[in-house]
Amino acid sequence: MSEDSKILISHTEKNTDLLGPYRRFVIWVHGCCFDCEGCLAENTKNGAYTETNIKDLAQEILMSDTEGITISGGEPFLQAKALFELVSLLKSIKDIGVIIYSGFTLEELQENDDSKNLLSVTDILIDGRYIKKLDDGRAYIGSSNQRLHYLSDRYKNIGQEYYSEKKRRAEIKFTLDKAVLIGVPSKNVLEVWQKVKEKSGGEICDF
């Protein structure tokens, strides 16, 4: 690993259960190659970001009281090599679970060596572009074309229960200068979020 290996990050959340089983450290990477209509994470494509040193990020994750990490975006596999370095470093120190949301399909990812390396250390992959007209209200998954792949046995038992929930869950968090939407929102939460966006004079981030 290079001493200056970095990942482009839009946002991190140190402890949530809204994007995977157990308590999770969530990373929203910056940058996306897709233009999905109705995307709620547009900020991760066009908004502000930081270049985060992999070793510093790993230390922050290891210090958090979480079972694993969830990586979303943006498109994580555009930074597959750096994320593989991050996950490999984490796993060399702690038994940590990995969930990734990607706009690419599993079949597309298997055609690229860097992506295959990252898949090899991933426990759950949720794949496919978000298609607004196929948004069927499933908890934790944006549209019905997107698939949940268990790439290891780590979450197979609890995952079946977690991802079969009937209702979507999301939360809106406020800081001094920012409002952040976390999770896959229901229609009611989306309505509240739209009002927040209309009234807010600060930075708005959709995750």
Protein backbone atom coordinates (compact mmCIF):
# COMPACT_ATOMS: atom_id res chain seq x y z
CA MET A 1 0.00 0.00 0.00
CA SER A 2 1.26 3.45 -0.91
CA GLU A 3 1.77 5.80 2.01
CA ASP A 4 -0.46 8.37 0.30
CA SER A 5 -3.24 6.01 -0.87
CA LYS A 6 -6.49 7.93 -0.70
CA ILE A 7 -10.21 7.49 -1.19
CA LEU A 8 -12.56 10.26 -2.33
CA ILE A 9 -15.26 10.50 0.34
CA SER A 10 -18.52 12.46 0.31
CA HIS A 11 -19.62 11.53 3.83
CA THR A 12 -19.22 8.99 6.60
CA GLU A 13 -21.59 7.92 9.35
CA LYS A 14 -19.91 6.28 12.32
CA ASN A 15 -22.76 4.23 13.75
CA THR A 16 -26.11 3.33 12.18
CA ASP A 17 -28.30 0.27 11.59
CA LEU A 18 -30.07 1.74 8.55
CA LEU A 19 -27.83 0.24 5.86
CA GLY A 20 -27.18 -3.32 6.93
CA PRO A 21 -27.49 -5.75 9.88
CA TYR A 22 -25.96 -4.77 13.23
CA ARG A 23 -24.31 -1.40 13.86
CA ARG A 24 -22.34 -0.20 10.86
CA PHE A 25 -19.79 2.40 9.83
CA VAL A 26 -21.05 3.77 6.50
CA ILE A 27 -18.89 5.30 3.77
CA TRP A 28 -20.40 7.24 0.88
CA VAL A 29 -17.69 7.50 -1.75
CA HIS A 30 -17.57 10.43 -4.15
CA GLY A 31 -17.98 10.05 -7.90
CA CYS A 32 -20.47 8.23 -10.11
CA CYS A 33 -20.66 7.23 -13.77
CA PHE A 34 -24.45 6.83 -13.82
CA ASP A 35 -27.31 9.35 -14.21
CA CYS A 36 -30.22 7.53 -12.63
CA GLU A 37 -33.47 9.50 -12.70
CA GLY A 38 -34.65 10.25 -9.16
CA CYS A 39 -31.31 9.43 -7.56
CA LEU A 40 -31.23 10.53 -3.92
CA ALA A 41 -27.44 10.56 -3.74
CA GLU A 42 -26.75 13.22 -6.35
CA ASN A 43 -24.60 15.06 -3.81
CA THR A 44 -22.07 12.22 -3.99
CA LYS A 45 -21.59 12.94 -7.69
CA ASN A 46 -21.63 16.73 -7.82
CA GLY A 47 -21.12 17.87 -4.24
CA ALA A 48 -18.14 18.48 -1.99
CA TYR A 49 -15.74 15.70 -1.04
CA THR A 50 -12.53 15.02 0.84
CA GLU A 51 -9.47 12.99 -0.12
CA THR A 52 -9.09 10.67 2.83
CA ASN A 53 -5.93 8.69 3.60
CA ILE A 54 -6.72 4.97 3.72
CA LYS A 55 -4.78 4.35 6.92
CA ASP A 56 -6.48 7.26 8.69
CA LEU A 57 -9.92 6.04 7.58
CA ALA A 58 -9.12 2.50 8.69
CA GLN A 59 -8.12 3.75 12.13
CA GLU A 60 -11.37 5.69 12.44
CA ILE A 61 -13.39 2.62 11.49
CA LEU A 62 -11.51 0.37 13.91
CA MET A 63 -12.12 2.83 16.74
CA SER A 64 -15.88 2.80 16.14
CA ASP A 65 -18.11 0.34 18.00
CA THR A 66 -19.46 -1.30 14.84
CA GLU A 67 -19.70 -4.84 13.45
CA GLY A 68 -18.88 -3.89 9.90
CA ILE A 69 -18.86 -1.33 7.13
CA THR A 70 -21.34 -0.45 4.40
CA ILE A 71 -19.95 1.26 1.30
CA SER A 72 -22.29 3.24 -0.93
CA GLY A 73 -22.01 6.30 -3.11
CA GLY A 74 -21.57 7.49 -5.65
CA GLU A 75 -20.21 4.38 -7.26
CA PRO A 76 -17.84 2.40 -5.02
CA PHE A 77 -16.33 0.28 -7.79
CA LEU A 78 -14.90 3.35 -9.52
CA GLN A 79 -12.47 3.26 -6.57
CA ALA A 80 -12.26 -0.53 -6.35
CA LYS A 81 -8.47 -0.67 -5.96
CA ALA A 82 -8.36 1.81 -3.07
CA LEU A 83 -11.36 0.21 -1.36
CA PHE A 84 -9.77 -3.22 -1.66
CA GLU A 85 -6.70 -1.82 0.10
CA LEU A 86 -8.92 -0.37 2.84
CA VAL A 87 -10.89 -3.56 3.41
CA SER A 88 -7.78 -5.74 3.31
CA LEU A 89 -6.13 -3.54 5.92
CA LEU A 90 -9.21 -3.70 8.15
CA LYS A 91 -9.52 -7.46 7.85
CA SER A 92 -5.85 -7.93 8.72
CA ILE A 93 -6.65 -6.37 12.12
CA LYS A 94 -10.29 -7.22 12.84
CA ASP A 95 -12.98 -9.64 11.65
CA ILE A 96 -15.19 -7.08 9.95
CA GLY A 97 -18.20 -7.48 7.65
CA VAL A 98 -18.52 -5.66 4.33
CA ILE A 99 -21.67 -4.62 2.44
CA ILE A 100 -21.50 -2.68 -0.83
CA TYR A 101 -24.17 -0.92 -2.89
CA SER A 102 -23.26 -0.62 -6.59
CA GLY A 103 -24.95 0.58 -9.76
CA PHE A 104 -23.04 -2.06 -11.69
CA THR A 105 -24.41 -5.59 -11.88
CA LEU A 106 -22.44 -8.49 -10.45
CA GLU A 107 -21.85 -9.78 -13.97
CA GLU A 108 -20.37 -6.45 -15.05
CA LEU A 109 -18.12 -6.30 -12.02
CA GLN A 110 -16.78 -9.79 -12.64
CA GLU A 111 -15.27 -8.57 -15.92
CA ASN A 112 -12.77 -6.28 -14.16
CA ASP A 113 -9.80 -7.49 -12.07
CA ASP A 114 -9.87 -4.63 -9.52
CA SER A 115 -13.61 -5.10 -9.06
CA LYS A 116 -13.20 -8.86 -8.64
CA ASN A 117 -10.60 -8.26 -5.92
CA LEU A 118 -13.03 -6.04 -4.02
CA LEU A 119 -15.83 -8.59 -4.47
CA SER A 120 -13.57 -11.24 -2.95
CA VAL A 121 -13.62 -9.39 0.40
CA THR A 122 -17.30 -8.42 0.25
CA ASP A 123 -20.04 -10.26 2.16
CA ILE A 124 -23.13 -8.69 0.56
CA LEU A 125 -23.42 -6.91 -2.77
CA ILE A 126 -26.60 -4.99 -3.66
CA ASP A 127 -26.31 -4.38 -7.40
CA GLY A 128 -27.96 -2.62 -10.32
CA ARG A 129 -28.92 0.87 -11.43
CA TYR A 130 -31.73 2.66 -9.63
CA ILE A 131 -34.81 2.75 -11.88
CA LYS A 132 -37.44 5.16 -10.57
CA LYS A 133 -40.43 3.46 -12.21
CA LEU A 134 -39.39 0.16 -10.57
CA ASP A 135 -39.23 1.63 -7.06
CA ASP A 136 -41.53 -0.78 -5.23
CA GLY A 137 -40.91 0.41 -1.68
CA ARG A 138 -38.69 -2.49 -0.63
CA ALA A 139 -36.81 -1.83 2.58
CA TYR A 140 -33.11 -0.98 2.10
CA ILE A 141 -33.23 -1.47 -1.70
CA GLY A 142 -34.15 1.26 -4.17
CA SER A 143 -35.88 -0.52 -7.08
CA SER A 144 -37.07 -4.02 -7.88
CA ASN A 145 -34.39 -4.72 -10.49
CA GLN A 146 -31.66 -4.43 -7.87
CA ARG A 147 -30.46 -7.74 -6.44
CA LEU A 148 -29.04 -8.83 -3.11
CA HIS A 149 -26.08 -11.21 -3.43
CA TYR A 150 -24.68 -13.12 -0.45
CA LEU A 151 -21.04 -13.48 -1.45
CA SER A 152 -20.18 -15.18 1.85
CA ASP A 153 -22.10 -16.92 4.63
CA ARG A 154 -21.53 -14.11 7.14
CA TYR A 155 -24.98 -12.48 6.95
CA LYS A 156 -27.09 -15.23 5.38
CA ASN A 157 -29.21 -15.93 8.46
CA ILE A 158 -29.69 -12.45 9.86
CA GLY A 159 -29.74 -10.95 6.36
CA GLN A 160 -32.86 -12.83 5.34
CA GLU A 161 -34.68 -11.36 8.33
CA TYR A 162 -33.19 -7.87 7.99
CA TYR A 163 -33.85 -7.42 4.26
CA SER A 164 -37.38 -8.86 4.44
CA GLU A 165 -38.65 -5.98 6.58
CA LYS A 166 -41.88 -4.51 5.23
CA LYS A 167 -41.22 -0.84 5.93
CA ARG A 168 -38.40 1.41 4.81
CA ARG A 169 -36.44 3.21 7.50
CA ALA A 170 -34.46 6.41 7.17
CA GLU A 171 -33.48 9.36 9.29
CA ILE A 172 -32.71 13.03 8.77
CA LYS A 173 -29.78 14.31 10.81
CA PHE A 174 -28.92 17.95 11.36
CA THR A 175 -25.59 19.59 12.13
CA LEU A 176 -24.78 23.28 12.39
CA ASP A 177 -24.45 23.66 8.61
CA LYS A 178 -25.86 20.50 7.09
CA ALA A 179 -28.90 18.26 6.80
CA VAL A 180 -28.22 14.62 5.96
CA LEU A 181 -30.71 11.96 4.83
CA ILE A 182 -29.55 8.44 5.70
CA GLY A 183 -31.16 5.22 4.54
CA VAL A 184 -33.78 4.35 1.93
CA PRO A 185 -36.71 6.69 2.70
CA SER A 186 -40.42 5.98 2.66
CA LYS A 187 -42.83 8.31 0.85
CA ASN A 188 -43.58 10.16 4.12
CA VAL A 189 -39.90 10.70 4.93
CA LEU A 190 -39.31 11.91 1.37
CA GLU A 191 -42.07 14.51 1.79
CA VAL A 192 -40.44 15.78 4.99
CA TRP A 193 -37.06 15.80 3.28
CA GLN A 194 -38.38 17.90 0.39
CA LYS A 195 -39.66 20.46 2.89
CA VAL A 196 -36.28 20.52 4.63
CA LYS A 197 -34.55 21.12 1.31
CA GLU A 198 -36.93 23.93 0.40
CA LYS A 199 -36.48 25.75 3.71
CA SER A 200 -32.83 25.12 4.39
CA GLY A 201 -30.19 27.74 3.70
CA GLY A 202 -27.35 25.38 4.59
CA GLU A 203 -25.75 22.41 2.85
CA ILE A 204 -28.06 19.57 1.90
CA CYS A 205 -26.72 16.03 1.52
CA ASP A 206 -28.78 13.07 0.29
CA PHE A 207 -27.44 9.63 1.17
